[in-house]
Protein backbone atom coordinates (compact mmCIF):
# COMPACT_ATOMS: atom_id res chain seq x y z
CA GLN A 1 -0.05 -0.12 -0.01
CA VAL A 2 1.41 3.41 -1.01
CA GLN A 3 1.26 6.16 1.54
CA LEU A 4 2.50 9.74 1.10
CA VAL A 5 2.39 11.64 4.60
CA GLU A 6 2.89 15.25 5.18
CA SER A 7 4.25 16.94 7.74
CA GLY A 8 5.79 20.26 8.85
CA GLY A 9 2.96 22.34 8.70
CA GLY A 10 1.81 25.16 11.06
CA LEU A 11 1.07 28.42 11.60
CA VAL A 12 3.97 31.10 10.78
CA GLN A 13 4.11 35.08 10.73
CA ALA A 14 4.83 37.06 7.42
CA GLY A 15 8.38 36.81 6.48
CA GLY A 16 9.04 33.23 8.65
CA SER A 17 10.25 30.22 7.07
CA LEU A 18 8.84 26.56 7.25
CA ARG A 19 10.20 23.39 5.85
CA LEU A 20 7.82 20.76 4.73
CA SER A 21 8.68 17.06 4.63
CA CYS A 22 6.74 14.21 3.00
CA ALA A 23 7.87 10.34 3.95
CA THR A 24 7.02 7.64 1.49
CA SER A 25 6.48 4.26 1.46
CA GLY A 26 5.17 1.42 -0.46
CA LEU A 27 6.75 2.69 -3.93
CA THR A 28 9.69 2.34 -5.66
CA PHE A 29 10.92 6.14 -4.63
CA SER A 30 13.48 6.52 -7.25
CA MET A 31 11.23 5.43 -10.11
CA TYR A 32 8.95 8.84 -9.39
CA ALA A 33 8.88 12.06 -10.19
CA MET A 34 7.44 14.54 -6.88
CA ALA A 35 5.85 17.30 -6.32
CA TRP A 36 4.17 19.78 -4.39
CA PHE A 37 1.10 21.29 -4.54
CA ARG A 38 -1.08 23.77 -2.92
CA GLN A 39 -4.65 24.35 -2.62
CA GLY A 40 -5.51 28.00 -1.24
CA PRO A 41 -9.23 29.14 0.27
CA GLY A 42 -11.48 28.63 -2.80
CA LYS A 43 -8.71 28.01 -5.57
CA GLU A 44 -7.57 25.39 -7.45
CA ARG A 45 -4.51 23.65 -6.72
CA GLU A 46 -1.75 24.75 -8.38
CA CYS A 47 2.44 23.19 -8.01
CA VAL A 48 4.60 24.95 -6.34
CA ALA A 49 7.48 22.93 -6.96
CA ALA A 50 8.09 20.12 -8.83
CA ILE A 51 11.15 17.81 -9.05
CA SER A 52 12.36 14.91 -11.37
CA TRP A 53 13.64 11.63 -9.92
CA SER A 54 17.15 12.01 -9.20
CA GLY A 55 16.63 15.27 -7.94
CA GLY A 56 18.70 16.54 -11.28
CA SER A 57 15.96 19.00 -12.57
CA THR A 58 13.94 21.20 -10.32
CA TYR A 59 10.77 23.52 -10.72
CA SER A 60 9.70 26.31 -8.42
CA VAL A 61 7.03 28.53 -9.13
CA LYS A 62 8.39 30.95 -6.56
CA GLY A 63 11.75 31.80 -6.12
CA ARG A 64 11.24 31.60 -2.31
CA PHE A 65 10.79 27.78 -2.54
CA THR A 66 13.17 24.79 -2.65
CA ILE A 67 12.35 21.33 -3.21
CA SER A 68 14.68 18.36 -2.53
CA ARG A 69 14.50 14.89 -2.38
CA ASP A 70 16.56 11.90 -0.70
CA ASN A 71 16.26 8.93 -2.64
CA ALA A 72 17.84 6.82 0.19
CA LYS A 73 15.12 8.08 2.75
CA ASN A 74 12.28 8.08 0.31
CA THR A 75 11.64 11.32 1.44
CA VAL A 76 11.20 14.87 -0.42
CA SER A 77 11.22 18.43 1.06
CA LEU A 78 10.11 21.85 0.70
CA GLN A 79 11.78 24.63 2.05
CA MET A 80 9.69 27.33 2.42
CA ASN A 81 11.15 30.90 3.31
CA SER A 82 9.87 34.41 3.36
CA LEU A 83 6.53 33.08 3.42
CA LYS A 84 3.59 35.70 2.34
CA PRO A 85 -0.24 35.51 3.58
CA GLU A 86 -0.96 34.38 0.26
CA ASP A 87 0.91 31.40 0.67
CA THR A 88 -1.37 30.04 3.12
CA GLY A 89 -3.24 26.82 2.17
CA VAL A 90 -3.05 23.02 2.55
CA TYR A 91 0.22 21.84 0.75
CA TYR A 92 -0.26 18.25 -0.73
CA CYS A 93 2.82 15.90 -1.63
CA ALA A 94 2.35 13.59 -4.75
CA ALA A 95 4.21 11.06 -6.99
CA THR A 96 3.96 10.18 -10.68
CA ARG A 97 5.88 7.36 -12.56
CA ALA A 98 8.53 9.30 -14.40
CA THR A 99 12.00 8.90 -15.00
CA GLY A 100 14.78 10.67 -16.43
CA GLY A 101 14.63 14.35 -15.92
CA VAL A 102 11.08 14.79 -16.40
CA ILE A 103 9.32 16.98 -13.97
CA VAL A 104 5.60 16.90 -14.27
CA THR A 105 3.45 20.48 -12.78
CA ALA A 106 0.47 19.22 -14.17
CA ALA A 107 -2.00 17.48 -11.41
CA GLY A 108 -3.64 15.22 -13.73
CA PRO A 109 -0.69 12.58 -14.02
CA TYR A 110 -0.06 12.30 -10.57
CA ILE A 111 -1.45 9.16 -9.04
CA TYR A 112 -0.27 8.99 -5.24
CA TRP A 113 -1.20 12.08 -3.02
CA GLY A 114 -0.76 12.70 0.37
CA GLN A 115 -3.37 13.85 3.13
CA GLY A 116 -2.22 17.32 2.73
CA THR A 117 -0.51 19.37 5.52
CA GLN A 118 -2.50 23.26 6.59
CA VAL A 119 0.06 26.00 6.13
CA THR A 120 -1.19 29.21 7.66
CA VAL A 121 0.68 32.70 6.92
CA SER A 122 -0.50 35.52 9.26
CA SER A 123 0.30 39.13 8.23
């Protein structure tokens, strides 16, 4: 059974930092591209960062976010700095089967999702 479990969310003041982590199990982690999605209040789910299976290719919609992965520990992380109130939302970790340098930013191809972790940035 595949599981993705996010952690690290919480309440932070604007300008602060948070580091989200996603622990995975039940899949061959190194064969999956990973991503973090955010769903803000009343908004569609959007990709805020993505990373290829090897970690060699990354994408981040905002220069303040950095995605990384540890294939030995089957984890993917999202470092978020200089947080703003508009970063508030539920953050989801997701996995899609993709090898090579492929990164995937659309939600559709992702087949495994975590339960989400709430991030609230106060002004």
